[in-house]
N, C-alpha and C. Protein backbone atom coordinates (compact mmCIF):
# COMPACT_ATOMS: atom_id res chain seq x y z
N MET A 1 0.84 -1.18 0.00
CA MET A 1 0.00 0.00 0.00
C MET A 1 0.89 1.25 0.00
N VAL A 2 0.54 2.20 -0.84
CA VAL A 2 1.29 3.45 -0.92
C VAL A 2 0.73 4.43 0.11
N ARG A 3 1.61 4.99 0.90
CA ARG A 3 1.17 5.95 1.92
C ARG A 3 0.76 7.25 1.27
N PRO A 4 -0.27 7.90 1.83
CA PRO A 4 -0.73 9.17 1.26
C PRO A 4 0.37 10.23 1.17
N SER A 5 1.26 10.28 2.16
CA SER A 5 2.30 11.30 2.12
C SER A 5 3.28 11.07 0.97
N SER A 6 3.54 9.79 0.62
CA SER A 6 4.44 9.54 -0.50
C SER A 6 3.75 9.85 -1.83
N VAL A 7 2.44 9.64 -1.89
CA VAL A 7 1.68 10.02 -3.08
C VAL A 7 1.72 11.54 -3.22
N ARG A 8 1.50 12.24 -2.14
CA ARG A 8 1.51 13.70 -2.17
C ARG A 8 2.90 14.21 -2.54
N SER A 9 3.94 13.59 -1.99
CA SER A 9 5.31 14.00 -2.33
C SER A 9 5.59 13.82 -3.82
N ALA A 10 5.10 12.71 -4.39
CA ALA A 10 5.27 12.47 -5.83
C ALA A 10 4.52 13.52 -6.64
N GLN A 11 3.33 13.92 -6.19
CA GLN A 11 2.56 14.95 -6.88
C GLN A 11 3.30 16.30 -6.83
N ILE A 12 3.86 16.61 -5.68
CA ILE A 12 4.60 17.86 -5.53
C ILE A 12 5.83 17.86 -6.44
N ARG A 13 6.54 16.75 -6.47
CA ARG A 13 7.72 16.64 -7.32
C ARG A 13 7.34 16.81 -8.78
N ALA A 14 6.27 16.15 -9.22
CA ALA A 14 5.83 16.25 -10.62
C ALA A 14 5.41 17.68 -10.97
N ALA A 15 4.70 18.31 -10.06
CA ALA A 15 4.28 19.70 -10.30
C ALA A 15 5.49 20.63 -10.36
N ALA A 16 6.44 20.43 -9.47
CA ALA A 16 7.65 21.25 -9.46
C ALA A 16 8.44 21.05 -10.76
N LEU A 17 8.54 19.83 -11.20
CA LEU A 17 9.25 19.54 -12.43
C LEU A 17 8.61 20.28 -13.61
N ASP A 18 7.30 20.25 -13.67
CA ASP A 18 6.57 20.96 -14.72
C ASP A 18 6.78 22.47 -14.61
N LEU A 19 6.61 23.01 -13.42
CA LEU A 19 6.76 24.46 -13.23
C LEU A 19 8.19 24.93 -13.49
N PHE A 20 9.18 24.18 -12.99
CA PHE A 20 10.57 24.57 -13.21
C PHE A 20 10.92 24.51 -14.69
N THR A 21 10.30 23.59 -15.43
CA THR A 21 10.56 23.48 -16.86
C THR A 21 9.92 24.65 -17.60
N ARG A 22 8.68 24.95 -17.28
CA ARG A 22 7.95 26.00 -17.99
C ARG A 22 8.38 27.41 -17.59
N SER A 23 8.53 27.63 -16.28
CA SER A 23 8.76 29.00 -15.79
C SER A 23 10.16 29.25 -15.28
N GLY A 24 10.88 28.19 -14.95
CA GLY A 24 12.19 28.33 -14.33
C GLY A 24 12.07 28.28 -12.82
N TYR A 25 13.15 27.89 -12.19
CA TYR A 25 13.17 27.77 -10.74
C TYR A 25 12.91 29.11 -10.07
N GLU A 26 13.64 30.14 -10.48
CA GLU A 26 13.54 31.45 -9.82
C GLU A 26 12.14 32.04 -9.91
N ALA A 27 11.47 31.84 -11.05
CA ALA A 27 10.15 32.43 -11.25
C ALA A 27 9.03 31.63 -10.58
N THR A 28 9.32 30.41 -10.16
CA THR A 28 8.31 29.57 -9.52
C THR A 28 8.30 29.86 -8.02
N THR A 29 7.13 30.08 -7.48
CA THR A 29 7.00 30.33 -6.04
C THR A 29 6.39 29.10 -5.36
N MET A 30 6.51 29.08 -4.05
CA MET A 30 5.88 28.00 -3.29
C MET A 30 4.36 28.08 -3.46
N ALA A 31 3.82 29.29 -3.59
CA ALA A 31 2.38 29.45 -3.83
C ALA A 31 1.99 28.81 -5.17
N ASP A 32 2.83 28.98 -6.20
CA ASP A 32 2.58 28.35 -7.50
C ASP A 32 2.57 26.83 -7.34
N LEU A 33 3.53 26.33 -6.62
CA LEU A 33 3.64 24.90 -6.40
C LEU A 33 2.43 24.37 -5.63
N GLY A 34 2.05 25.09 -4.59
CA GLY A 34 0.87 24.70 -3.82
C GLY A 34 -0.39 24.69 -4.68
N ALA A 35 -0.56 25.72 -5.49
CA ALA A 35 -1.74 25.80 -6.37
C ALA A 35 -1.77 24.64 -7.36
N ALA A 36 -0.60 24.26 -7.84
CA ALA A 36 -0.53 23.17 -8.82
C ALA A 36 -0.97 21.83 -8.25
N VAL A 37 -0.82 21.66 -6.93
CA VAL A 37 -1.23 20.40 -6.31
C VAL A 37 -2.46 20.57 -5.42
N GLY A 38 -3.08 21.76 -5.49
CA GLY A 38 -4.30 22.00 -4.73
C GLY A 38 -4.10 22.12 -3.24
N MET A 39 -2.99 22.76 -2.86
CA MET A 39 -2.68 22.95 -1.43
C MET A 39 -2.34 24.41 -1.18
N ARG A 40 -2.61 24.86 0.02
CA ARG A 40 -2.15 26.19 0.43
C ARG A 40 -0.69 26.08 0.85
N GLY A 41 0.00 27.21 0.78
CA GLY A 41 1.41 27.24 1.12
C GLY A 41 1.76 26.59 2.44
N PRO A 42 1.08 26.94 3.56
CA PRO A 42 1.44 26.33 4.84
C PRO A 42 1.30 24.81 4.85
N SER A 43 0.30 24.28 4.16
CA SER A 43 0.14 22.82 4.09
C SER A 43 1.26 22.18 3.29
N LEU A 44 1.74 22.89 2.29
CA LEU A 44 2.82 22.39 1.45
C LEU A 44 4.08 22.11 2.28
N TYR A 45 4.31 22.96 3.27
CA TYR A 45 5.51 22.81 4.11
C TYR A 45 5.47 21.57 4.99
N LYS A 46 4.33 20.92 5.08
CA LYS A 46 4.27 19.63 5.79
C LYS A 46 4.95 18.53 4.99
N HIS A 47 5.09 18.77 3.66
CA HIS A 47 5.64 17.76 2.77
C HIS A 47 7.03 18.08 2.25
N VAL A 48 7.36 19.36 2.14
CA VAL A 48 8.68 19.77 1.66
C VAL A 48 9.20 20.92 2.52
N ALA A 49 10.50 20.94 2.71
CA ALA A 49 11.09 21.98 3.55
C ALA A 49 11.14 23.33 2.84
N SER A 50 11.38 23.28 1.52
CA SER A 50 11.54 24.52 0.76
C SER A 50 11.52 24.20 -0.73
N LYS A 51 11.46 25.24 -1.53
CA LYS A 51 11.57 25.08 -2.98
C LYS A 51 12.95 24.50 -3.33
N GLN A 52 13.98 24.96 -2.62
CA GLN A 52 15.33 24.45 -2.83
C GLN A 52 15.39 22.94 -2.56
N ASP A 53 14.68 22.51 -1.53
CA ASP A 53 14.62 21.09 -1.18
C ASP A 53 14.02 20.28 -2.33
N VAL A 54 12.98 20.80 -2.94
CA VAL A 54 12.34 20.10 -4.06
C VAL A 54 13.30 20.02 -5.24
N LEU A 55 13.98 21.12 -5.56
CA LEU A 55 14.94 21.12 -6.66
C LEU A 55 16.05 20.12 -6.39
N GLU A 56 16.57 20.11 -5.18
CA GLU A 56 17.64 19.17 -4.84
C GLU A 56 17.15 17.73 -4.96
N GLN A 57 15.94 17.45 -4.54
CA GLN A 57 15.39 16.09 -4.65
C GLN A 57 15.28 15.66 -6.11
N ILE A 58 14.82 16.57 -6.96
CA ILE A 58 14.71 16.25 -8.38
C ILE A 58 16.09 15.95 -8.96
N MET A 59 17.05 16.82 -8.69
CA MET A 59 18.36 16.66 -9.30
C MET A 59 19.15 15.48 -8.73
N THR A 60 19.06 15.29 -7.43
CA THR A 60 19.74 14.15 -6.82
C THR A 60 19.08 12.85 -7.28
N GLY A 61 17.75 12.84 -7.30
CA GLY A 61 17.03 11.65 -7.76
C GLY A 61 17.38 11.27 -9.19
N THR A 62 17.53 12.28 -10.03
CA THR A 62 17.91 12.04 -11.42
C THR A 62 19.28 11.39 -11.50
N MET A 63 20.24 11.94 -10.79
CA MET A 63 21.60 11.40 -10.85
C MET A 63 21.67 10.00 -10.22
N GLU A 64 20.96 9.79 -9.14
CA GLU A 64 20.95 8.46 -8.52
C GLU A 64 20.30 7.43 -9.44
N ALA A 65 19.26 7.82 -10.17
CA ALA A 65 18.62 6.91 -11.12
C ALA A 65 19.56 6.59 -12.28
N LEU A 66 20.28 7.59 -12.77
CA LEU A 66 21.24 7.36 -13.84
C LEU A 66 22.36 6.42 -13.39
N LEU A 67 22.87 6.64 -12.19
CA LEU A 67 23.93 5.76 -11.67
C LEU A 67 23.43 4.33 -11.50
N ALA A 68 22.23 4.16 -10.99
CA ALA A 68 21.66 2.82 -10.81
C ALA A 68 21.45 2.13 -12.16
N ALA A 69 20.95 2.86 -13.15
CA ALA A 69 20.74 2.29 -14.48
C ALA A 69 22.07 1.89 -15.11
N HIS A 70 23.07 2.72 -14.91
CA HIS A 70 24.41 2.42 -15.45
C HIS A 70 24.95 1.13 -14.82
N ARG A 71 24.89 1.04 -13.51
CA ARG A 71 25.42 -0.15 -12.82
C ARG A 71 24.70 -1.42 -13.25
N ALA A 72 23.39 -1.34 -13.38
CA ALA A 72 22.62 -2.50 -13.82
C ALA A 72 22.99 -2.89 -15.25
N ALA A 73 23.21 -1.89 -16.09
CA ALA A 73 23.51 -2.15 -17.51
C ALA A 73 24.83 -2.89 -17.69
N VAL A 74 25.81 -2.57 -16.88
CA VAL A 74 27.15 -3.16 -17.09
C VAL A 74 27.43 -4.36 -16.19
N ALA A 75 26.51 -4.70 -15.33
CA ALA A 75 26.77 -5.71 -14.29
C ALA A 75 26.97 -7.12 -14.82
N THR A 76 26.42 -7.46 -15.96
CA THR A 76 26.42 -8.87 -16.37
C THR A 76 27.40 -9.22 -17.48
N THR A 77 28.32 -8.33 -17.78
CA THR A 77 29.33 -8.64 -18.79
C THR A 77 30.65 -7.97 -18.42
N ALA A 78 31.73 -8.60 -18.83
CA ALA A 78 33.05 -8.03 -18.61
C ALA A 78 33.64 -7.47 -19.91
N ASP A 79 32.98 -7.73 -21.02
CA ASP A 79 33.48 -7.28 -22.32
C ASP A 79 33.39 -5.76 -22.42
N PRO A 80 34.51 -5.07 -22.65
CA PRO A 80 34.50 -3.60 -22.68
C PRO A 80 33.56 -2.99 -23.72
N VAL A 81 33.50 -3.59 -24.90
CA VAL A 81 32.64 -3.07 -25.96
C VAL A 81 31.17 -3.21 -25.55
N GLU A 82 30.83 -4.38 -25.08
CA GLU A 82 29.44 -4.63 -24.67
C GLU A 82 29.06 -3.76 -23.47
N ARG A 83 29.98 -3.57 -22.56
CA ARG A 83 29.69 -2.73 -21.39
C ARG A 83 29.41 -1.28 -21.81
N LEU A 84 30.24 -0.74 -22.70
CA LEU A 84 30.01 0.64 -23.14
C LEU A 84 28.72 0.74 -23.94
N ARG A 85 28.43 -0.26 -24.77
CA ARG A 85 27.18 -0.25 -25.54
C ARG A 85 25.99 -0.24 -24.59
N ARG A 86 26.00 -1.11 -23.61
CA ARG A 86 24.88 -1.19 -22.66
C ARG A 86 24.75 0.08 -21.82
N ALA A 87 25.87 0.61 -21.38
CA ALA A 87 25.84 1.85 -20.57
C ALA A 87 25.27 3.00 -21.39
N THR A 88 25.67 3.08 -22.66
CA THR A 88 25.16 4.15 -23.52
C THR A 88 23.67 3.97 -23.76
N GLU A 89 23.25 2.75 -23.98
CA GLU A 89 21.82 2.49 -24.17
C GLU A 89 21.02 2.93 -22.94
N ALA A 90 21.49 2.59 -21.76
CA ALA A 90 20.78 2.99 -20.54
C ALA A 90 20.74 4.51 -20.41
N HIS A 91 21.85 5.15 -20.74
CA HIS A 91 21.94 6.61 -20.67
C HIS A 91 20.96 7.28 -21.63
N VAL A 92 20.94 6.83 -22.87
CA VAL A 92 20.06 7.41 -23.89
C VAL A 92 18.60 7.12 -23.55
N ARG A 93 18.31 5.90 -23.14
CA ARG A 93 16.93 5.53 -22.80
C ARG A 93 16.40 6.40 -21.65
N TYR A 94 17.23 6.61 -20.64
CA TYR A 94 16.81 7.45 -19.52
C TYR A 94 16.45 8.85 -20.02
N HIS A 95 17.29 9.42 -20.86
CA HIS A 95 17.05 10.78 -21.34
C HIS A 95 15.86 10.87 -22.29
N ALA A 96 15.58 9.80 -23.01
CA ALA A 96 14.38 9.78 -23.87
C ALA A 96 13.11 9.74 -23.02
N ARG A 97 13.19 9.07 -21.88
CA ARG A 97 12.01 8.89 -21.02
C ARG A 97 11.85 9.98 -19.96
N HIS A 98 12.91 10.70 -19.68
CA HIS A 98 12.89 11.69 -18.59
C HIS A 98 13.37 13.05 -19.09
N ARG A 99 12.69 13.54 -20.08
CA ARG A 99 13.11 14.79 -20.73
C ARG A 99 13.05 15.99 -19.79
N LEU A 100 12.01 16.05 -18.96
CA LEU A 100 11.89 17.19 -18.05
C LEU A 100 13.00 17.19 -17.00
N GLU A 101 13.31 16.01 -16.46
CA GLU A 101 14.39 15.93 -15.48
C GLU A 101 15.72 16.38 -16.10
N ALA A 102 15.95 15.97 -17.34
CA ALA A 102 17.19 16.37 -18.02
C ALA A 102 17.23 17.88 -18.23
N PHE A 103 16.10 18.44 -18.64
CA PHE A 103 16.04 19.89 -18.87
C PHE A 103 16.31 20.66 -17.58
N VAL A 104 15.60 20.30 -16.52
CA VAL A 104 15.79 20.98 -15.23
C VAL A 104 17.20 20.74 -14.72
N GLY A 105 17.69 19.53 -14.84
CA GLY A 105 19.03 19.21 -14.37
C GLY A 105 20.11 20.03 -15.03
N ASN A 106 19.94 20.29 -16.32
CA ASN A 106 20.95 21.09 -17.03
C ASN A 106 20.77 22.58 -16.82
N ARG A 107 19.53 23.04 -16.80
CA ARG A 107 19.30 24.48 -16.71
C ARG A 107 19.41 25.02 -15.29
N GLU A 108 19.01 24.24 -14.32
CA GLU A 108 18.88 24.78 -12.96
C GLU A 108 20.02 24.43 -12.01
N ILE A 109 21.10 23.87 -12.51
CA ILE A 109 22.24 23.60 -11.63
C ILE A 109 22.71 24.91 -10.98
N ARG A 110 22.57 25.99 -11.70
CA ARG A 110 22.96 27.31 -11.19
C ARG A 110 22.10 27.74 -10.00
N SER A 111 20.90 27.18 -9.89
CA SER A 111 19.97 27.58 -8.82
C SER A 111 20.17 26.81 -7.53
N LEU A 112 20.95 25.76 -7.57
CA LEU A 112 21.22 25.01 -6.35
C LEU A 112 22.15 25.80 -5.44
N THR A 113 21.87 25.76 -4.15
CA THR A 113 22.75 26.39 -3.17
C THR A 113 23.57 25.29 -2.49
N GLN A 114 24.62 25.69 -1.81
CA GLN A 114 25.45 24.73 -1.08
C GLN A 114 24.71 24.25 0.16
N PRO A 115 24.85 23.03 0.57
CA PRO A 115 25.70 21.98 0.01
C PRO A 115 25.03 21.19 -1.12
N ASN A 116 23.81 21.56 -1.50
CA ASN A 116 23.09 20.83 -2.54
C ASN A 116 23.85 20.81 -3.86
N ARG A 117 24.39 21.96 -4.23
CA ARG A 117 25.11 22.05 -5.51
C ARG A 117 26.33 21.12 -5.51
N GLU A 118 27.06 21.14 -4.43
CA GLU A 118 28.25 20.29 -4.33
C GLU A 118 27.87 18.81 -4.43
N ARG A 119 26.78 18.44 -3.78
CA ARG A 119 26.33 17.03 -3.82
C ARG A 119 25.95 16.62 -5.24
N VAL A 120 25.18 17.44 -5.94
CA VAL A 120 24.76 17.10 -7.30
C VAL A 120 25.97 17.09 -8.23
N LEU A 121 26.86 18.05 -8.10
CA LEU A 121 28.06 18.06 -8.94
C LEU A 121 28.93 16.83 -8.66
N GLY A 122 28.98 16.39 -7.42
CA GLY A 122 29.71 15.18 -7.08
C GLY A 122 29.11 13.94 -7.74
N LEU A 123 27.79 13.86 -7.75
CA LEU A 123 27.11 12.74 -8.43
C LEU A 123 27.35 12.80 -9.93
N ARG A 124 27.34 13.98 -10.50
CA ARG A 124 27.62 14.13 -11.93
C ARG A 124 29.04 13.67 -12.26
N ALA A 125 29.98 14.06 -11.43
CA ALA A 125 31.38 13.66 -11.66
C ALA A 125 31.52 12.15 -11.54
N GLU A 126 30.83 11.55 -10.58
CA GLU A 126 30.85 10.09 -10.41
C GLU A 126 30.29 9.41 -11.66
N TYR A 127 29.21 9.94 -12.20
CA TYR A 127 28.58 9.37 -13.38
C TYR A 127 29.51 9.47 -14.59
N GLU A 128 30.13 10.63 -14.78
CA GLU A 128 31.08 10.77 -15.89
C GLU A 128 32.23 9.80 -15.70
N ARG A 129 32.68 9.64 -14.47
CA ARG A 129 33.80 8.74 -14.19
C ARG A 129 33.45 7.30 -14.54
N CYS A 130 32.19 6.92 -14.37
CA CYS A 130 31.76 5.56 -14.76
C CYS A 130 32.02 5.32 -16.24
N PHE A 131 31.67 6.30 -17.08
CA PHE A 131 31.90 6.16 -18.52
C PHE A 131 33.39 6.19 -18.83
N ARG A 132 34.11 7.08 -18.20
CA ARG A 132 35.56 7.16 -18.45
C ARG A 132 36.24 5.86 -18.05
N ASP A 133 35.83 5.26 -16.93
CA ASP A 133 36.41 3.98 -16.51
C ASP A 133 36.16 2.89 -17.55
N LEU A 134 34.96 2.87 -18.13
CA LEU A 134 34.66 1.89 -19.18
C LEU A 134 35.57 2.09 -20.38
N ILE A 135 35.76 3.34 -20.76
CA ILE A 135 36.60 3.64 -21.92
C ILE A 135 38.06 3.29 -21.63
N GLU A 136 38.53 3.63 -20.44
CA GLU A 136 39.92 3.30 -20.08
C GLU A 136 40.13 1.79 -20.04
N ALA A 137 39.14 1.03 -19.59
CA ALA A 137 39.24 -0.43 -19.59
C ALA A 137 39.33 -0.96 -21.01
N GLY A 138 38.54 -0.36 -21.91
CA GLY A 138 38.60 -0.76 -23.31
C GLY A 138 39.93 -0.42 -23.96
N LEU A 139 40.50 0.70 -23.56
CA LEU A 139 41.83 1.07 -24.07
C LEU A 139 42.89 0.08 -23.59
N ARG A 140 42.84 -0.26 -22.29
CA ARG A 140 43.81 -1.22 -21.74
C ARG A 140 43.70 -2.58 -22.42
N ALA A 141 42.48 -2.96 -22.78
CA ALA A 141 42.24 -4.26 -23.41
C ALA A 141 42.53 -4.22 -24.91
N GLY A 142 42.88 -3.04 -25.43
CA GLY A 142 43.16 -2.92 -26.86
C GLY A 142 41.91 -2.94 -27.72
N ARG A 143 40.75 -2.71 -27.12
CA ARG A 143 39.48 -2.75 -27.87
C ARG A 143 39.03 -1.38 -28.34
N PHE A 144 39.56 -0.30 -27.73
CA PHE A 144 39.20 1.06 -28.11
C PHE A 144 40.46 1.80 -28.55
N GLN A 145 40.26 2.75 -29.43
CA GLN A 145 41.36 3.60 -29.88
C GLN A 145 40.86 5.04 -29.89
N VAL A 146 41.20 5.76 -28.83
CA VAL A 146 40.80 7.15 -28.71
C VAL A 146 41.89 7.86 -27.91
N GLU A 147 42.18 9.10 -28.24
CA GLU A 147 43.25 9.81 -27.56
C GLU A 147 42.91 10.20 -26.13
N SER A 148 41.68 10.63 -25.90
CA SER A 148 41.31 11.09 -24.57
C SER A 148 40.04 10.40 -24.09
N ALA A 149 40.19 9.56 -23.07
CA ALA A 149 39.03 8.89 -22.50
C ALA A 149 38.06 9.91 -21.91
N ARG A 150 38.60 10.97 -21.34
CA ARG A 150 37.75 12.00 -20.75
C ARG A 150 36.89 12.69 -21.82
N LEU A 151 37.51 13.12 -22.90
CA LEU A 151 36.75 13.77 -23.97
C LEU A 151 35.74 12.82 -24.60
N ALA A 152 36.12 11.57 -24.75
CA ALA A 152 35.19 10.58 -25.31
C ALA A 152 33.99 10.40 -24.39
N SER A 153 34.24 10.37 -23.08
CA SER A 153 33.12 10.21 -22.14
C SER A 153 32.21 11.42 -22.20
N TYR A 154 32.77 12.61 -22.31
CA TYR A 154 31.95 13.82 -22.44
C TYR A 154 31.09 13.76 -23.71
N ALA A 155 31.70 13.33 -24.81
CA ALA A 155 30.96 13.27 -26.08
C ALA A 155 29.80 12.28 -25.99
N ILE A 156 30.03 11.14 -25.37
CA ILE A 156 28.97 10.13 -25.24
C ILE A 156 27.86 10.64 -24.32
N LEU A 157 28.24 11.27 -23.23
CA LEU A 157 27.23 11.82 -22.32
C LEU A 157 26.41 12.90 -23.02
N ASP A 158 27.06 13.75 -23.79
CA ASP A 158 26.35 14.79 -24.53
C ASP A 158 25.37 14.20 -25.55
N LEU A 159 25.75 13.10 -26.19
CA LEU A 159 24.83 12.43 -27.12
C LEU A 159 23.50 12.13 -26.42
N GLY A 160 23.60 11.48 -25.29
CA GLY A 160 22.39 11.09 -24.56
C GLY A 160 21.59 12.26 -24.06
N MET A 161 22.27 13.25 -23.52
CA MET A 161 21.56 14.42 -22.98
C MET A 161 20.84 15.18 -24.09
N GLY A 162 21.41 15.18 -25.29
CA GLY A 162 20.77 15.85 -26.40
C GLY A 162 19.45 15.21 -26.80
N VAL A 163 19.33 13.91 -26.59
CA VAL A 163 18.09 13.20 -26.92
C VAL A 163 16.91 13.82 -26.18
N ALA A 164 17.13 14.26 -24.96
CA ALA A 164 16.05 14.85 -24.16
C ALA A 164 15.49 16.10 -24.80
N VAL A 165 16.27 16.76 -25.63
CA VAL A 165 15.83 18.00 -26.26
C VAL A 165 14.87 17.74 -27.42
N TRP A 166 15.15 16.74 -28.22
CA TRP A 166 14.38 16.57 -29.46
C TRP A 166 13.52 15.32 -29.53
N PHE A 167 13.80 14.30 -28.74
CA PHE A 167 13.05 13.04 -28.88
C PHE A 167 11.60 13.20 -28.44
N ARG A 168 10.70 12.59 -29.21
CA ARG A 168 9.28 12.55 -28.87
C ARG A 168 8.77 11.14 -29.11
N ASP A 169 7.91 10.66 -28.22
CA ASP A 169 7.37 9.30 -28.35
C ASP A 169 6.65 9.10 -29.68
N ASP A 170 6.02 10.14 -30.19
CA ASP A 170 5.27 10.02 -31.43
C ASP A 170 6.09 10.49 -32.64
N GLY A 171 7.40 10.58 -32.47
CA GLY A 171 8.28 11.06 -33.54
C GLY A 171 8.55 10.00 -34.59
N GLU A 172 9.37 10.37 -35.54
CA GLU A 172 9.71 9.50 -36.67
C GLU A 172 10.41 8.22 -36.23
N LEU A 173 11.28 8.33 -35.22
CA LEU A 173 12.06 7.18 -34.75
C LEU A 173 11.55 6.68 -33.41
N THR A 174 11.55 5.38 -33.25
CA THR A 174 11.15 4.80 -31.97
C THR A 174 12.28 4.97 -30.96
N GLU A 175 11.93 4.84 -29.70
CA GLU A 175 12.94 4.91 -28.65
C GLU A 175 14.02 3.86 -28.87
N ASP A 176 13.61 2.63 -29.19
CA ASP A 176 14.58 1.55 -29.40
C ASP A 176 15.52 1.85 -30.56
N ALA A 177 14.99 2.43 -31.63
CA ALA A 177 15.84 2.77 -32.79
C ALA A 177 16.87 3.83 -32.40
N VAL A 178 16.45 4.84 -31.65
CA VAL A 178 17.37 5.89 -31.22
C VAL A 178 18.43 5.32 -30.27
N VAL A 179 17.99 4.51 -29.32
CA VAL A 179 18.91 3.91 -28.35
C VAL A 179 19.97 3.08 -29.07
N TRP A 180 19.54 2.24 -30.01
CA TRP A 180 20.48 1.40 -30.74
C TRP A 180 21.47 2.24 -31.55
N GLN A 181 20.95 3.20 -32.31
CA GLN A 181 21.82 4.01 -33.16
C GLN A 181 22.82 4.81 -32.33
N PHE A 182 22.38 5.36 -31.22
CA PHE A 182 23.29 6.14 -30.38
C PHE A 182 24.35 5.25 -29.73
N SER A 183 24.02 4.01 -29.42
CA SER A 183 25.04 3.11 -28.88
C SER A 183 26.11 2.84 -29.93
N GLN A 184 25.69 2.77 -31.19
CA GLN A 184 26.66 2.59 -32.27
C GLN A 184 27.53 3.84 -32.45
N PHE A 185 26.93 5.02 -32.31
CA PHE A 185 27.71 6.26 -32.35
C PHE A 185 28.77 6.26 -31.26
N ALA A 186 28.39 5.83 -30.06
CA ALA A 186 29.34 5.81 -28.94
C ALA A 186 30.51 4.89 -29.23
N LEU A 187 30.22 3.74 -29.80
CA LEU A 187 31.31 2.80 -30.12
C LEU A 187 32.23 3.37 -31.19
N ARG A 188 31.67 4.13 -32.11
CA ARG A 188 32.52 4.78 -33.12
C ARG A 188 33.39 5.87 -32.50
N ILE A 189 32.82 6.60 -31.54
CA ILE A 189 33.59 7.66 -30.88
C ILE A 189 34.87 7.11 -30.25
N VAL A 190 34.76 5.91 -29.65
CA VAL A 190 35.94 5.35 -28.99
C VAL A 190 36.77 4.46 -29.91
N GLY A 191 36.36 4.34 -31.18
CA GLY A 191 37.11 3.50 -32.12
C GLY A 191 37.08 2.04 -31.75
N ALA A 192 35.89 1.57 -31.36
CA ALA A 192 35.75 0.18 -30.91
C ALA A 192 36.11 -0.79 -32.02
N SER A 193 36.76 -1.89 -31.63
CA SER A 193 37.09 -2.94 -32.58
C SER A 193 36.48 -4.24 -32.12
């Protein structure tokens, strides 16, 4: 059974995600957020500490979900090529399915205050490091040929994040087609053999 408070928290998060996407973090007020979920401001504070708290939850939740998807994707194989392909697929699929989180995550990092900003930036660095580690393992195994594992990891991450900007469920390409093609792009970036 789902507790009412967790349902309400999910509603608040969804409303905040929508408002932050449409209006921006700075222009969104707690009153706007309360109105979006049918609550008065004082009642809203029973569920969230502040607007900053909601933004931090969205951004931290996004990064934790990406890290979990990455770990699951690479867990069942040791092959460097297959690991990078699977990690890229998970990355692209997440961004195709969570476009608002990607938009807010990229645009509103500037709105996070300390220590929230440091925490989210730390999670981002950890996530980039996961891709760089895969690329470095492929280089050591002689399966990849690229001059900079760091630059290659940035390029692959940018591929996936860009999907959030243009992908639509009713678009010309299916999610699976985009995921597959982008995994092939990633393997080309690292010169996979």
